[in-house]
Amino acid sequence: DQTIKDAQQLAERLNDASVRVDGILVKVDTLLGSGQADGMIADARNTLKSFKQVADTLNARLGTITDNLARFSGQGLQDVEALVQDSRRSINRIEEAV
């Protein structure tokens, strides 16, 4: 459950960062359009765009990851626990037989 909460918090932070990056990109576009930009500003703009793409991609995938973790922590985890219990019973039977 903590992993799911952590993933959700990460998704929220990425959304917040993405909004801030959008605002920065608007300001950079304004500056670039004003003719005052040099190579460093253009590099910063490209870096911010790359960061936004990574954040958007990760954010899109976090939903799937969170869903899968939630599914596993429910039925999947119960199945693993049942398998462990069955294995312990089998080992106990083998030990009793020997």
Protein backbone atom coordinates (compact mmCIF):
# COMPACT_ATOMS: atom_id res chain seq x y z
CA ASP A 1 0.00 0.00 0.00
CA GLN A 2 2.88 2.39 0.76
CA THR A 3 4.32 1.75 -2.71
CA ILE A 4 1.01 2.73 -4.28
CA LYS A 5 0.84 5.90 -2.18
CA ASP A 6 4.43 6.74 -3.12
CA ALA A 7 3.67 6.21 -6.81
CA GLN A 8 0.59 8.43 -6.56
CA GLN A 9 2.59 11.16 -4.81
CA LEU A 10 5.25 10.91 -7.51
CA ALA A 11 2.58 11.27 -10.20
CA GLU A 12 1.19 14.36 -8.45
CA ARG A 13 4.66 15.89 -8.20
CA LEU A 14 5.28 15.19 -11.87
CA ASN A 15 1.99 16.85 -12.77
CA ASP A 16 2.96 19.91 -10.71
CA ALA A 17 6.41 20.00 -12.28
CA SER A 18 4.88 19.65 -15.74
CA VAL A 19 2.64 22.68 -15.12
CA ARG A 20 5.64 24.72 -13.97
CA VAL A 21 7.65 23.59 -16.99
CA ASP A 22 4.79 24.69 -19.26
CA GLY A 23 4.91 28.15 -17.68
CA ILE A 24 8.66 28.32 -18.12
CA LEU A 25 8.36 27.24 -21.76
CA VAL A 26 5.86 30.05 -22.41
CA LYS A 27 8.28 32.56 -20.92
CA VAL A 28 11.17 31.10 -22.91
CA ASP A 29 9.11 31.21 -26.11
CA THR A 30 8.33 34.88 -25.41
CA LEU A 31 12.00 35.61 -24.83
CA LEU A 32 13.05 33.67 -27.93
CA GLY A 33 10.53 35.58 -30.00
CA SER A 34 11.85 38.90 -28.76
CA GLY A 35 15.22 38.49 -30.50
CA GLN A 36 17.15 38.62 -27.19
CA ALA A 37 17.94 34.92 -27.04
CA ASP A 38 21.31 33.37 -27.58
CA GLY A 39 22.49 29.77 -27.80
CA MET A 40 22.29 29.21 -24.07
CA ILE A 41 18.62 30.18 -23.92
CA ALA A 42 17.86 27.88 -26.84
CA ASP A 43 19.66 25.02 -25.06
CA ALA A 44 17.69 25.73 -21.89
CA ARG A 45 14.45 25.64 -23.86
CA ASN A 46 15.36 22.29 -25.41
CA THR A 47 16.33 20.93 -21.99
CA LEU A 48 13.02 22.03 -20.50
CA LYS A 49 11.11 20.45 -23.38
CA SER A 50 13.01 17.20 -22.83
CA PHE A 51 12.23 17.31 -19.12
CA LYS A 52 8.55 17.87 -19.85
CA GLN A 53 8.48 14.94 -22.28
CA VAL A 54 10.10 12.65 -19.70
CA ALA A 55 7.69 13.85 -16.99
CA ASP A 56 4.66 13.36 -19.26
CA THR A 57 5.81 9.89 -20.32
CA LEU A 58 6.52 8.81 -16.76
CA ASN A 59 3.26 10.28 -15.55
CA ALA A 60 1.33 8.39 -18.24
CA ARG A 61 2.98 5.11 -17.24
CA LEU A 62 2.64 5.61 -13.49
CA GLY A 63 -1.11 5.10 -13.76
CA THR A 64 -0.59 1.64 -15.24
CA ILE A 65 2.14 0.82 -12.73
CA THR A 66 -0.04 1.95 -9.83
CA ASP A 67 -2.99 -0.10 -11.11
CA ASN A 68 -0.80 -3.19 -11.44
CA LEU A 69 0.65 -2.71 -7.95
CA ALA A 70 -2.85 -2.32 -6.54
CA ARG A 71 -3.98 -5.47 -8.33
CA PHE A 72 -0.94 -7.42 -7.10
CA SER A 73 -1.28 -6.17 -3.53
CA GLY A 74 -4.83 -7.48 -3.58
CA GLN A 75 -5.42 -10.87 -5.19
CA GLY A 76 -1.85 -11.44 -6.39
CA LEU A 77 -0.41 -11.08 -2.91
CA GLN A 78 -3.07 -13.39 -1.49
CA ASP A 79 -2.12 -15.98 -4.11
CA VAL A 80 1.56 -15.75 -3.16
CA GLU A 81 0.70 -16.08 0.54
CA ALA A 82 -1.43 -19.15 -0.22
CA LEU A 83 1.44 -20.66 -2.22
CA VAL A 84 3.85 -20.11 0.68
CA GLN A 85 1.41 -21.71 3.12
CA ASP A 86 0.90 -24.71 0.82
CA SER A 87 4.67 -25.07 0.44
CA ARG A 88 5.16 -25.02 4.22
CA ARG A 89 2.50 -27.69 4.70
CA SER A 90 4.13 -29.85 2.03
CA ILE A 91 7.55 -29.48 3.65
CA ASN A 92 6.09 -30.35 7.06
CA ARG A 93 4.48 -33.49 5.61
CA ILE A 94 7.75 -34.53 3.99
CA GLU A 95 9.64 -33.97 7.26
CA GLU A 96 7.05 -35.99 9.19
CA ALA A 97 7.29 -38.82 6.67
CA VAL A 98 11.09 -38.94 6.96
